[in-house]
């Protein structure tokens, strides 16, 4: 990053239509990581894996936490897909989180230079936290609140989350770009990671058909190495293993050119998630901080 904060966003970001292939990691912040831990992890994402972004997952409600994220991202040359987290308790705490994030984005002078976009929820349709009409309205309102800092807004969601709401076309029309949850392990047709490409194509093609040509990213995207109470297959043939997790990412990497050729400059993808300490089984690192397998996907092809 430059030694001083630029005067404007003119020519700051590479256009979204140049972004494809591996982009970075989902990174859960429920642990309210310290500034030093964020610096360490973000440096690793940037330098070890050539990541360009972190996609936030979960929530830390400590005052000023997003500003600490901004500092770590700025120091390490990373962009951030920020998140308004609804959670699973049915409360209205998301409103406070929304307002706190907007305050940070509009008052922290560095924030708009590292925040590539804001996700209004992670599976809010699938979790039925708002009606699709209410969600579309919230997205439109947030876009207006962030217009002065030129930060676009999306929703992070499964294809099925839209489909079970009759397509929720109002949400797809409202968002600026499309963050897709690509979790084929849960398909009724799932087997192993190496064979998941047809499942990926099915959901991707749905978004191509209904997304109006908007930029697409796979943000919550991966395959688990173990099952857990919240991660159970819907296919008797689905294999959760370290090998299957590795094969899934190898499969995506092998289809780099196919993903690059998708509308609007191709599909960029994140690995969900950085560490098993953040979500059991999905991490690239295990709970002891060791890589579970070699992971160096291409960032271009």
Protein backbone atom coordinates (compact mmCIF):
# COMPACT_ATOMS: atom_id res chain seq x y z
CA UNK A 1 0.00 0.00 0.00
CA UNK A 2 1.15 3.60 -0.48
CA UNK A 3 2.82 5.46 2.37
CA UNK A 4 -0.10 7.88 2.57
CA UNK A 5 -3.83 7.54 1.99
CA UNK A 6 -4.79 8.52 -1.59
CA UNK A 7 -7.03 11.47 -2.20
CA UNK A 8 -9.61 9.51 -4.19
CA UNK A 9 -10.58 6.05 -5.40
CA UNK A 10 -9.94 6.95 -9.03
CA UNK A 11 -8.11 4.04 -10.67
CA UNK A 12 -7.57 2.45 -7.26
CA UNK A 13 -9.22 -0.94 -7.78
CA UNK A 14 -8.60 -3.24 -10.70
CA UNK A 15 -11.94 -3.65 -12.48
CA UNK A 16 -13.97 -6.60 -11.26
CA UNK A 17 -14.05 -7.95 -14.79
CA UNK A 18 -10.31 -8.67 -14.49
CA UNK A 19 -10.75 -10.84 -11.38
CA UNK A 20 -10.91 -14.61 -11.68
CA UNK A 21 -9.17 -17.76 -10.36
CA UNK A 22 -8.08 -18.01 -6.71
CA UNK A 23 -8.63 -14.77 -4.79
CA UNK A 24 -8.06 -15.59 -1.11
CA UNK A 25 -9.80 -17.04 1.91
CA UNK A 26 -12.94 -16.89 3.92
CA UNK A 27 -11.82 -15.87 7.39
CA UNK A 28 -14.01 -16.22 10.44
CA UNK A 29 -13.78 -13.45 13.04
CA UNK A 30 -15.96 -14.85 15.81
CA UNK A 31 -12.78 -15.23 17.89
CA UNK A 32 -12.23 -11.44 17.76
CA UNK A 33 -8.62 -11.97 16.78
CA UNK A 34 -6.02 -9.58 18.15
CA UNK A 35 -4.38 -7.03 15.89
CA UNK A 36 -1.17 -9.08 15.92
CA UNK A 37 -3.01 -12.27 14.94
CA UNK A 38 -4.77 -10.51 12.09
CA UNK A 39 -1.46 -9.10 10.90
CA UNK A 40 0.14 -12.56 11.01
CA UNK A 41 -2.71 -14.32 9.21
CA UNK A 42 -3.22 -11.62 6.58
CA UNK A 43 0.51 -11.58 5.83
CA UNK A 44 0.37 -15.34 5.39
CA UNK A 45 -2.63 -15.10 3.05
CA UNK A 46 -0.85 -12.50 0.97
CA UNK A 47 2.68 -13.88 0.93
CA UNK A 48 2.29 -17.65 1.16
CA UNK A 49 -0.79 -18.07 -1.01
CA UNK A 50 -0.73 -14.90 -3.14
CA UNK A 51 -4.21 -14.05 -1.90
CA UNK A 52 -5.73 -10.74 -2.92
CA UNK A 53 -8.76 -10.70 -0.62
CA UNK A 54 -10.22 -11.97 2.61
CA UNK A 55 -13.92 -12.67 2.80
CA UNK A 56 -15.15 -12.17 6.35
CA UNK A 57 -17.37 -14.74 8.02
CA UNK A 58 -19.08 -14.61 11.40
CA UNK A 59 -19.01 -11.53 13.60
CA UNK A 60 -16.98 -9.82 16.29
CA UNK A 61 -18.97 -7.15 18.09
CA UNK A 62 -16.04 -5.51 19.86
CA UNK A 63 -16.01 -1.74 19.35
CA UNK A 64 -13.61 -0.78 16.56
CA UNK A 65 -12.91 -4.35 15.45
CA UNK A 66 -13.54 -3.62 11.77
CA UNK A 67 -11.03 -0.78 11.98
CA UNK A 68 -8.48 -3.35 13.17
CA UNK A 69 -9.37 -5.47 10.13
CA UNK A 70 -8.84 -2.42 7.92
CA UNK A 71 -5.40 -1.76 9.42
CA UNK A 72 -4.29 -5.37 8.91
CA UNK A 73 -5.61 -5.44 5.35
CA UNK A 74 -3.97 -2.11 4.52
CA UNK A 75 -0.64 -3.24 5.96
CA UNK A 76 -0.67 -6.42 3.89
CA UNK A 77 -2.13 -5.21 0.61
CA UNK A 78 -5.39 -7.14 0.87
CA UNK A 79 -8.93 -6.22 -0.04
CA UNK A 80 -11.87 -7.22 2.15
CA UNK A 81 -15.35 -8.53 1.47
CA UNK A 82 -16.95 -7.22 4.67
CA UNK A 83 -20.01 -8.86 6.19
CA UNK A 84 -23.17 -7.92 8.06
CA UNK A 85 -23.76 -11.10 10.07
CA UNK A 86 -27.28 -12.14 10.98
CA UNK A 87 -26.31 -15.17 13.04
CA UNK A 88 -28.71 -17.92 14.01
CA UNK A 89 -30.48 -16.57 17.09
CA UNK A 90 -33.25 -14.58 15.40
CA UNK A 91 -32.39 -11.30 17.12
CA UNK A 92 -32.10 -7.84 15.57
CA UNK A 93 -28.42 -7.55 16.46
CA UNK A 94 -27.67 -7.43 12.75
CA UNK A 95 -29.06 -3.91 12.67
CA UNK A 96 -26.45 -2.73 15.17
CA UNK A 97 -23.77 -4.55 13.17
CA UNK A 98 -24.96 -2.88 9.98
CA UNK A 99 -24.88 0.58 11.52
CA UNK A 100 -21.47 -0.01 13.11
CA UNK A 101 -19.99 -1.18 9.81
CA UNK A 102 -21.46 1.75 7.90
CA UNK A 103 -19.98 4.12 10.47
CA UNK A 104 -16.54 2.55 10.09
CA UNK A 105 -16.72 2.53 6.30
CA UNK A 106 -17.71 6.17 6.11
CA UNK A 107 -15.43 7.59 8.83
CA UNK A 108 -12.24 5.51 8.70
CA UNK A 109 -10.21 7.11 5.88
CA UNK A 110 -8.55 3.81 4.95
CA UNK A 111 -11.71 1.70 4.93
CA UNK A 112 -12.89 2.46 1.40
CA UNK A 113 -9.44 1.62 0.07
CA UNK A 114 -9.51 -1.94 1.40
CA UNK A 115 -13.23 -2.77 1.40
CA UNK A 116 -14.08 -4.22 -2.00
CA UNK A 117 -17.69 -4.85 -1.08
CA UNK A 118 -20.14 -5.58 1.71
CA UNK A 119 -22.06 -8.83 2.02
CA UNK A 120 -25.55 -8.24 3.42
CA UNK A 121 -25.76 -11.55 5.23
CA UNK A 122 -24.39 -15.03 4.75
CA UNK A 123 -27.25 -17.27 3.57
CA UNK A 124 -29.95 -14.85 4.79
CA UNK A 125 -32.46 -16.34 2.33
CA UNK A 126 -31.69 -19.95 3.16
CA UNK A 127 -31.84 -19.12 6.89
CA UNK A 128 -35.10 -17.19 6.36
CA UNK A 129 -33.99 -14.21 8.44
CA UNK A 130 -35.79 -11.71 6.18
CA UNK A 131 -38.24 -12.03 3.33
CA UNK A 132 -36.61 -11.57 -0.03
CA UNK A 133 -38.49 -8.29 -0.46
CA UNK A 134 -37.18 -7.02 2.87
CA UNK A 135 -33.66 -8.12 2.02
CA UNK A 136 -33.78 -6.40 -1.36
CA UNK A 137 -34.98 -3.23 0.36
CA UNK A 138 -32.15 -3.43 2.91
CA UNK A 139 -29.60 -3.91 0.14
CA UNK A 140 -30.92 -0.87 -1.73
CA UNK A 141 -30.79 1.24 1.43
CA UNK A 142 -27.25 0.12 2.23
CA UNK A 143 -26.11 0.95 -1.28
CA UNK A 144 -27.37 4.50 -0.75
CA UNK A 145 -25.57 4.73 2.60
CA UNK A 146 -22.29 3.67 1.00
CA UNK A 147 -22.58 5.64 -2.23
CA UNK A 148 -20.29 8.37 -0.92
CA UNK A 149 -17.47 5.84 -0.39
CA UNK A 150 -18.23 3.89 -3.58
CA UNK A 151 -18.47 0.49 -1.89
CA UNK A 152 -20.77 -2.00 -3.66
CA UNK A 153 -23.14 -4.38 -1.90
CA UNK A 154 -23.92 -8.05 -2.39
CA UNK A 155 -25.61 -10.94 -0.61
CA UNK A 156 -23.67 -14.11 0.16
CA UNK A 157 -26.03 -16.96 -0.66
CA UNK A 158 -26.64 -20.47 -1.99
CA UNK A 159 -28.38 -21.00 -5.31
CA UNK A 160 -30.94 -22.96 -3.31
CA UNK A 161 -31.52 -19.97 -1.03
CA UNK A 162 -32.78 -18.05 -4.05
CA UNK A 163 -34.56 -21.00 -5.61
CA UNK A 164 -36.65 -21.79 -2.54
CA UNK A 165 -37.85 -18.15 -2.60
CA UNK A 166 -39.12 -18.43 -6.19
CA UNK A 167 -35.78 -17.11 -7.43
CA UNK A 168 -35.79 -13.93 -5.28
CA UNK A 169 -35.17 -11.95 -8.45
CA UNK A 170 -35.64 -8.70 -6.56
CA UNK A 171 -32.52 -9.51 -4.51
CA UNK A 172 -30.51 -10.49 -7.58
CA UNK A 173 -31.58 -7.24 -9.23
CA UNK A 174 -30.66 -5.15 -6.17
CA UNK A 175 -27.13 -6.45 -5.53
CA UNK A 176 -24.11 -5.06 -7.36
CA UNK A 177 -22.30 -8.38 -7.77
CA UNK A 178 -23.05 -11.99 -6.86
CA UNK A 179 -21.33 -13.86 -4.03
CA UNK A 180 -22.15 -17.53 -4.42
CA UNK A 181 -22.00 -20.24 -1.78
CA UNK A 182 -20.57 -23.25 -3.59
CA UNK A 183 -20.78 -26.20 -1.21
CA UNK A 184 -21.36 -29.28 -3.39
CA UNK A 185 -20.69 -31.69 -0.52
CA UNK A 186 -24.33 -31.11 0.47
CA UNK A 187 -25.74 -32.12 -2.91
CA UNK A 188 -27.83 -35.28 -3.02
CA UNK A 189 -25.54 -36.31 -5.88
CA UNK A 190 -22.24 -35.66 -4.06
CA UNK A 191 -19.46 -38.24 -4.09
CA UNK A 192 -15.99 -36.76 -3.70
CA UNK A 193 -14.23 -33.49 -4.37
CA UNK A 194 -12.63 -34.56 -7.63
CA UNK A 195 -16.03 -35.38 -9.15
CA UNK A 196 -17.80 -32.18 -8.08
CA UNK A 197 -17.47 -30.15 -11.29
CA UNK A 198 -20.92 -31.07 -12.67
CA UNK A 199 -22.45 -30.00 -9.34
CA UNK A 200 -20.56 -26.70 -9.50
CA UNK A 201 -21.76 -26.18 -13.05
CA UNK A 202 -25.39 -26.76 -12.10
CA UNK A 203 -25.44 -23.95 -9.53
CA UNK A 204 -23.20 -21.69 -11.59
CA UNK A 205 -25.45 -22.05 -14.63
CA UNK A 206 -28.45 -21.05 -12.53
CA UNK A 207 -26.73 -17.81 -11.59
CA UNK A 208 -25.66 -17.22 -15.19
CA UNK A 209 -29.30 -17.58 -16.26
CA UNK A 210 -30.73 -15.35 -13.54
CA UNK A 211 -27.89 -13.00 -12.56
CA UNK A 212 -28.22 -10.47 -15.35
CA UNK A 213 -24.58 -10.75 -16.37
CA UNK A 214 -23.29 -9.46 -13.02
CA UNK A 215 -19.84 -10.35 -11.73
CA UNK A 216 -19.78 -13.63 -9.82
CA UNK A 217 -17.56 -14.98 -7.07
CA UNK A 218 -17.53 -18.29 -5.20
CA UNK A 219 -17.03 -16.94 -1.69
CA UNK A 220 -18.18 -19.64 0.73
CA UNK A 221 -16.63 -22.37 -1.33
CA UNK A 222 -15.10 -25.65 -0.26
CA UNK A 223 -15.36 -29.31 0.72
CA UNK A 224 -15.03 -30.61 4.29
CA UNK A 225 -12.36 -33.04 5.47
CA UNK A 226 -14.60 -34.25 8.31
CA UNK A 227 -18.28 -34.12 9.16
CA UNK A 228 -19.60 -32.40 12.28
CA UNK A 229 -23.06 -31.78 13.80
CA UNK A 230 -23.69 -28.93 11.36
CA UNK A 231 -21.98 -30.57 8.40
CA UNK A 232 -23.76 -33.74 7.36
CA UNK A 233 -24.10 -35.05 3.80
CA UNK A 234 -27.34 -35.46 1.89
CA UNK A 235 -25.83 -38.20 -0.24
CA UNK A 236 -24.80 -41.63 1.10
CA UNK A 237 -21.83 -41.49 -1.27
CA UNK A 238 -20.41 -38.13 -0.14
CA UNK A 239 -16.88 -38.52 1.21
CA UNK A 240 -15.54 -36.07 3.79
CA UNK A 241 -11.76 -36.49 3.94
CA UNK A 242 -8.57 -34.49 3.63
CA UNK A 243 -7.99 -36.10 0.25
CA UNK A 244 -11.46 -35.16 -0.99
CA UNK A 245 -11.01 -31.57 0.23
CA UNK A 246 -7.70 -31.33 -1.61
CA UNK A 247 -9.22 -32.87 -4.73
CA UNK A 248 -12.01 -30.30 -4.74
CA UNK A 249 -9.58 -27.39 -4.92
CA UNK A 250 -7.43 -29.20 -7.46
CA UNK A 251 -10.56 -29.70 -9.55
CA UNK A 252 -11.42 -25.98 -9.39
CA UNK A 253 -7.85 -25.07 -10.30
CA UNK A 254 -7.95 -27.46 -13.26
CA UNK A 255 -11.03 -25.61 -14.56
CA UNK A 256 -9.34 -22.20 -14.35
CA UNK A 257 -9.84 -21.51 -18.05
CA UNK A 258 -13.49 -22.60 -17.93
CA UNK A 259 -14.15 -20.24 -15.03
CA UNK A 260 -12.17 -17.46 -16.70
CA UNK A 261 -14.42 -17.67 -19.76
CA UNK A 262 -17.63 -17.05 -17.80
CA UNK A 263 -19.39 -13.72 -18.37
CA UNK A 264 -17.97 -10.46 -17.01
CA UNK A 265 -14.34 -11.52 -16.85
CA UNK A 266 -14.75 -14.90 -15.24
CA UNK A 267 -15.45 -16.28 -11.78
CA UNK A 268 -13.08 -15.65 -8.91
CA UNK A 269 -13.07 -18.00 -5.95
CA UNK A 270 -12.21 -18.04 -2.28
CA UNK A 271 -11.27 -21.07 -0.20
CA UNK A 272 -13.63 -21.61 2.71
CA UNK A 273 -12.00 -21.48 5.21
CA UNK A 274 -8.53 -20.42 6.40
CA UNK A 275 -8.25 -22.75 9.41
CA UNK A 276 -10.04 -25.65 11.05
CA UNK A 277 -9.99 -23.49 14.18
CA UNK A 278 -12.52 -21.29 12.40
CA UNK A 279 -14.80 -24.00 11.05
CA UNK A 280 -14.11 -27.71 11.66
CA UNK A 281 -13.03 -29.65 8.60
CA UNK A 282 -13.09 -26.82 6.08
CA UNK A 283 -9.72 -25.26 6.87
CA UNK A 284 -6.63 -25.28 4.73
CA UNK A 285 -4.75 -25.35 8.04
CA UNK A 286 -5.56 -27.90 10.73
CA UNK A 287 -6.21 -27.02 14.38
CA UNK A 288 -2.47 -27.18 15.07
CA UNK A 289 -1.67 -24.63 12.39
CA UNK A 290 -0.24 -27.13 9.92
CA UNK A 291 -1.21 -27.26 6.26
CA UNK A 292 -3.47 -30.23 5.64
CA UNK A 293 -2.21 -30.53 2.04
CA UNK A 294 -0.25 -28.59 -0.53
CA UNK A 295 -2.31 -25.57 -1.56
CA UNK A 296 -1.03 -23.22 -4.26
CA UNK A 297 -3.87 -22.66 -6.73
CA UNK A 298 -3.34 -20.42 -9.70
CA UNK A 299 -4.26 -16.75 -9.54
CA UNK A 300 -4.33 -16.47 -13.32
CA UNK A 301 -4.40 -18.71 -16.39
